[in-house]
């Protein structure tokens, strides 16, 4: 299950990292590697809010999805 918080649909950066089992620094590294093109793009992003679908994609990008 992706969310340990039933009914929650939006997650802060800290909550997203917790859901993924990684640190905020690691989350930022994944975003830098796979989502934004430049550091300027990252600085232009307002306070990040993540949806459940974002967490699923980030879980795939971090290699946390196992073949079932």
Protein backbone atom coordinates (compact mmCIF):
# COMPACT_ATOMS: atom_id res chain seq x y z
CA UNK A 1 0.00 0.00 0.00
CA UNK A 2 1.31 3.42 -0.86
CA UNK A 3 -0.20 5.53 1.88
CA UNK A 4 0.01 4.80 5.56
CA UNK A 5 -2.44 7.68 6.01
CA UNK A 6 -5.89 6.56 4.86
CA UNK A 7 -7.87 9.23 3.05
CA UNK A 8 -4.87 11.53 2.64
CA UNK A 9 -4.51 12.83 -0.90
CA UNK A 10 -1.83 15.52 -0.62
CA UNK A 11 1.57 15.20 0.97
CA UNK A 12 4.25 17.70 1.89
CA UNK A 13 7.85 17.07 0.95
CA UNK A 14 8.55 15.62 4.41
CA UNK A 15 5.45 13.41 4.32
CA UNK A 16 6.29 12.19 0.81
CA UNK A 17 9.80 11.25 1.88
CA UNK A 18 8.38 9.40 4.90
CA UNK A 19 5.91 7.50 2.71
CA UNK A 20 8.76 6.49 0.41
CA UNK A 21 11.04 5.52 3.27
CA UNK A 22 13.76 7.93 2.16
CA UNK A 23 15.16 11.19 3.46
CA UNK A 24 14.08 14.59 2.16
CA UNK A 25 17.57 14.97 0.69
CA UNK A 26 17.16 11.69 -1.20
CA UNK A 27 13.72 12.80 -2.41
CA UNK A 28 15.21 16.03 -3.72
CA UNK A 29 17.96 14.06 -5.48
CA UNK A 30 15.37 11.88 -7.23
CA UNK A 31 13.47 14.97 -8.32
CA UNK A 32 16.68 16.60 -9.58
CA UNK A 33 17.62 13.45 -11.47
CA UNK A 34 14.27 12.63 -13.06
CA UNK A 35 11.85 15.55 -12.91
CA UNK A 36 13.49 18.95 -13.39
CA UNK A 37 15.89 19.93 -16.14
CA UNK A 38 17.93 22.56 -14.29
CA UNK A 39 18.58 23.80 -10.77
CA UNK A 40 16.71 26.96 -11.73
CA UNK A 41 13.63 24.84 -12.46
CA UNK A 42 13.90 23.38 -8.97
CA UNK A 43 14.19 26.82 -7.38
CA UNK A 44 11.12 28.00 -9.29
CA UNK A 45 8.99 25.22 -7.85
CA UNK A 46 6.84 26.57 -5.01
CA UNK A 47 6.43 24.55 -1.84
CA UNK A 48 5.99 21.05 -3.14
CA UNK A 49 2.75 19.19 -2.65
CA UNK A 50 2.63 15.59 -3.80
CA UNK A 51 -0.39 13.53 -4.86
CA UNK A 52 -0.68 9.76 -4.43
CA UNK A 53 0.10 9.37 -8.14
CA UNK A 54 3.30 11.40 -7.61
CA UNK A 55 4.32 9.02 -4.82
CA UNK A 56 3.72 6.03 -7.08
CA UNK A 57 5.92 7.53 -9.78
CA UNK A 58 8.61 8.47 -7.26
CA UNK A 59 8.50 4.95 -5.83
CA UNK A 60 9.09 3.59 -9.34
CA UNK A 61 11.97 6.03 -9.88
CA UNK A 62 13.62 5.04 -6.61
CA UNK A 63 13.41 1.35 -7.56
CA UNK A 64 11.12 0.47 -4.68
CA UNK A 65 8.47 -1.31 -6.75
CA UNK A 66 8.83 -5.06 -6.68
CA UNK A 67 7.45 -7.36 -9.32
CA UNK A 68 4.49 -9.17 -7.81
